[in-house]
Amino acid sequence: MTNSKGFSLVEAMLAAGVLSLIVTTLAGALVFGEQSSVGAGKRSRATELAEEGIEAVRSIRDQAFNELQYAQSGVTISSNTWAFLGEATSETIDEFTRTTNFADV
């Protein structure tokens, strides 16, 4: 009968390897989770801004359909109503740029 009083070198190396794999996996999951959350927030904000732009164009169309000009423009709120910024302009909101294109269908 053998009496072992400690870990052998192989057991210690195996335990260190398993521990390093676990730590690496947890760190990767944290980093990926944070990046995924930030990306989802940006996509949500971009979708919200796009929907707002669509609603602004519909509002402008309903106010003065005969005054629409087919061009590229941004939209803004002026006197509590939506208005175009002008030809060939775009608006920058946070890190996003919104441009509205109009074409005769």
C-alpha atoms as a PDB file:
ATOM      1  CA  MET A   1       0.000   0.000   0.000  1.00  0.00           C
ATOM      2  CA  THR A   2       1.374   3.378  -0.983  1.00  0.00           C
ATOM      3  CA  ASN A   3       0.938   6.459   1.121  1.00  0.00           C
ATOM      4  CA  SER A   4       0.781   9.601  -1.048  1.00  0.00           C
ATOM      5  CA  LYS A   5       1.094  12.803   0.892  1.00  0.00           C
ATOM      6  CA  GLY A   6       0.494  15.323  -1.881  1.00  0.00           C
ATOM      7  CA  PHE A   7      -0.306  15.950  -5.486  1.00  0.00           C
ATOM      8  CA  SER A   8       1.967  14.717  -8.152  1.00  0.00           C
ATOM      9  CA  LEU A   9       3.304  17.140 -10.732  1.00  0.00           C
ATOM     10  CA  VAL A  10       0.900  15.799 -13.362  1.00  0.00           C
ATOM     11  CA  GLU A  11      -2.138  16.333 -11.140  1.00  0.00           C
ATOM     12  CA  ALA A  12      -1.058  19.891 -10.308  1.00  0.00           C
ATOM     13  CA  MET A  13      -0.548  20.758 -13.999  1.00  0.00           C
ATOM     14  CA  LEU A  14      -3.915  19.234 -14.897  1.00  0.00           C
ATOM     15  CA  ALA A  15      -5.681  21.236 -12.168  1.00  0.00           C
ATOM     16  CA  ALA A  16      -3.969  24.450 -13.317  1.00  0.00           C
ATOM     17  CA  GLY A  17      -4.997  23.752 -16.927  1.00  0.00           C
ATOM     18  CA  VAL A  18      -8.642  23.136 -16.015  1.00  0.00           C
ATOM     19  CA  LEU A  19      -8.707  26.285 -13.855  1.00  0.00           C
ATOM     20  CA  SER A  20      -7.240  28.401 -16.647  1.00  0.00           C
ATOM     21  CA  LEU A  21      -9.849  27.063 -19.115  1.00  0.00           C
ATOM     22  CA  ILE A  22     -12.663  27.936 -16.732  1.00  0.00           C
ATOM     23  CA  VAL A  23     -11.323  31.450 -16.083  1.00  0.00           C
ATOM     24  CA  THR A  24     -10.793  32.076 -19.821  1.00  0.00           C
ATOM     25  CA  THR A  25     -14.305  30.879 -20.630  1.00  0.00           C
ATOM     26  CA  LEU A  26     -15.885  33.126 -17.986  1.00  0.00           C
ATOM     27  CA  ALA A  27     -13.875  36.165 -19.093  1.00  0.00           C
ATOM     28  CA  GLY A  28     -14.845  35.552 -22.732  1.00  0.00           C
ATOM     29  CA  ALA A  29     -18.502  35.220 -21.806  1.00  0.00           C
ATOM     30  CA  LEU A  30     -18.417  38.525 -19.910  1.00  0.00           C
ATOM     31  CA  VAL A  31     -16.737  40.393 -22.766  1.00  0.00           C
ATOM     32  CA  PHE A  32     -19.029  38.898 -25.421  1.00  0.00           C
ATOM     33  CA  GLY A  33     -22.099  39.611 -23.281  1.00  0.00           C
ATOM     34  CA  GLU A  34     -21.139  43.267 -22.872  1.00  0.00           C
ATOM     35  CA  GLN A  35     -20.431  43.718 -26.591  1.00  0.00           C
ATOM     36  CA  SER A  36     -23.702  42.028 -27.468  1.00  0.00           C
ATOM     37  CA  SER A  37     -25.639  44.265 -25.093  1.00  0.00           C
ATOM     38  CA  VAL A  38     -24.052  47.441 -26.487  1.00  0.00           C
ATOM     39  CA  GLY A  39     -24.756  46.302 -30.068  1.00  0.00           C
ATOM     40  CA  ALA A  40     -28.385  45.551 -29.250  1.00  0.00           C
ATOM     41  CA  GLY A  41     -28.788  49.007 -27.708  1.00  0.00           C
ATOM     42  CA  LYS A  42     -27.344  50.669 -30.818  1.00  0.00           C
ATOM     43  CA  ARG A  43     -29.611  48.662 -33.131  1.00  0.00           C
ATOM     44  CA  SER A  44     -32.617  49.578 -31.008  1.00  0.00           C
ATOM     45  CA  ARG A  45     -31.698  53.290 -31.099  1.00  0.00           C
ATOM     46  CA  ALA A  46     -31.152  53.175 -34.875  1.00  0.00           C
ATOM     47  CA  THR A  47     -34.537  51.517 -35.382  1.00  0.00           C
ATOM     48  CA  GLU A  48     -36.200  54.117 -33.179  1.00  0.00           C
ATOM     49  CA  LEU A  49     -34.630  56.979 -35.156  1.00  0.00           C
ATOM     50  CA  ALA A  50     -35.636  55.410 -38.474  1.00  0.00           C
ATOM     51  CA  GLU A  51     -39.239  55.011 -37.337  1.00  0.00           C
ATOM     52  CA  GLU A  52     -39.254  58.608 -36.097  1.00  0.00           C
ATOM     53  CA  GLY A  53     -38.001  59.774 -39.503  1.00  0.00           C
ATOM     54  CA  ILE A  54     -40.739  57.836 -41.280  1.00  0.00           C
ATOM     55  CA  GLU A  55     -43.395  59.331 -39.025  1.00  0.00           C
ATOM     56  CA  ALA A  56     -41.944  62.825 -39.578  1.00  0.00           C
ATOM     57  CA  VAL A  57     -42.145  62.421 -43.360  1.00  0.00           C
ATOM     58  CA  ARG A  58     -45.729  61.173 -43.106  1.00  0.00           C
ATOM     59  CA  SER A  59     -46.608  64.153 -40.950  1.00  0.00           C
ATOM     60  CA  ILE A  60     -45.027  66.592 -43.422  1.00  0.00           C
ATOM     61  CA  ARG A  61     -46.788  64.851 -46.293  1.00  0.00           C
ATOM     62  CA  ASP A  62     -50.150  65.133 -44.561  1.00  0.00           C
ATOM     63  CA  GLN A  63     -49.632  68.844 -43.775  1.00  0.00           C
ATOM     64  CA  ALA A  64     -48.619  70.063 -47.225  1.00  0.00           C
ATOM     65  CA  PHE A  65     -48.598  67.325 -49.835  1.00  0.00           C
ATOM     66  CA  ASN A  66     -48.419  69.753 -52.749  1.00  0.00           C
ATOM     67  CA  GLU A  67     -45.256  71.419 -51.356  1.00  0.00           C
ATOM     68  CA  LEU A  68     -43.121  68.269 -51.298  1.00  0.00           C
ATOM     69  CA  GLN A  69     -39.864  68.513 -53.216  1.00  0.00           C
ATOM     70  CA  TYR A  70     -38.138  65.385 -54.429  1.00  0.00           C
ATOM     71  CA  ALA A  71     -34.651  65.618 -52.999  1.00  0.00           C
ATOM     72  CA  GLN A  72     -32.484  64.513 -50.120  1.00  0.00           C
ATOM     73  CA  SER A  73     -33.067  66.146 -46.766  1.00  0.00           C
ATOM     74  CA  GLY A  74     -33.113  65.790 -43.022  1.00  0.00           C
ATOM     75  CA  VAL A  75     -36.070  66.456 -40.745  1.00  0.00           C
ATOM     76  CA  THR A  76     -36.406  68.607 -37.652  1.00  0.00           C
ATOM     77  CA  ILE A  77     -39.094  69.917 -35.330  1.00  0.00           C
ATOM     78  CA  SER A  78     -39.959  73.575 -35.925  1.00  0.00           C
ATOM     79  CA  SER A  79     -42.848  75.273 -34.077  1.00  0.00           C
ATOM     80  CA  ASN A  80     -44.104  71.905 -32.800  1.00  0.00           C
ATOM     81  CA  THR A  81     -44.389  70.490 -36.326  1.00  0.00           C
ATOM     82  CA  TRP A  82     -42.013  68.465 -38.436  1.00  0.00           C
ATOM     83  CA  ALA A  83     -40.148  70.307 -41.195  1.00  0.00           C
ATOM     84  CA  PHE A  84     -37.419  69.570 -43.723  1.00  0.00           C
ATOM     85  CA  LEU A  85     -33.908  70.870 -43.017  1.00  0.00           C
ATOM     86  CA  GLY A  86     -33.232  71.693 -46.625  1.00  0.00           C
ATOM     87  CA  GLU A  87     -31.918  70.106 -49.751  1.00  0.00           C
ATOM     88  CA  ALA A  88     -28.924  67.756 -49.495  1.00  0.00           C
ATOM     89  CA  THR A  89     -28.672  67.946 -45.721  1.00  0.00           C
ATOM     90  CA  SER A  90     -28.654  65.232 -43.127  1.00  0.00           C
ATOM     91  CA  GLU A  91     -28.986  65.273 -39.384  1.00  0.00           C
ATOM     92  CA  THR A  92     -26.578  63.721 -36.911  1.00  0.00           C
ATOM     93  CA  ILE A  93     -28.077  62.340 -33.726  1.00  0.00           C
ATOM     94  CA  ASP A  94     -25.620  60.836 -31.249  1.00  0.00           C
ATOM     95  CA  GLU A  95     -23.482  58.615 -33.480  1.00  0.00           C
ATOM     96  CA  PHE A  96     -26.146  58.151 -36.156  1.00  0.00           C
ATOM     97  CA  THR A  97     -26.754  60.157 -39.328  1.00  0.00           C
ATOM     98  CA  ARG A  98     -30.275  60.298 -40.739  1.00  0.00           C
ATOM     99  CA  THR A  99     -30.973  61.393 -44.310  1.00  0.00           C
ATOM    100  CA  THR A 100     -34.358  61.281 -45.978  1.00  0.00           C
ATOM    101  CA  ASN A 101     -34.542  60.640 -49.746  1.00  0.00           C
ATOM    102  CA  PHE A 102     -37.633  61.586 -51.739  1.00  0.00           C
ATOM    103  CA  ALA A 103     -38.461  60.282 -55.171  1.00  0.00           C
ATOM    104  CA  ASP A 104     -41.459  60.491 -57.443  1.00  0.00           C
ATOM    105  CA  VAL A 105     -43.104  57.080 -57.649  1.00  0.00           C
END
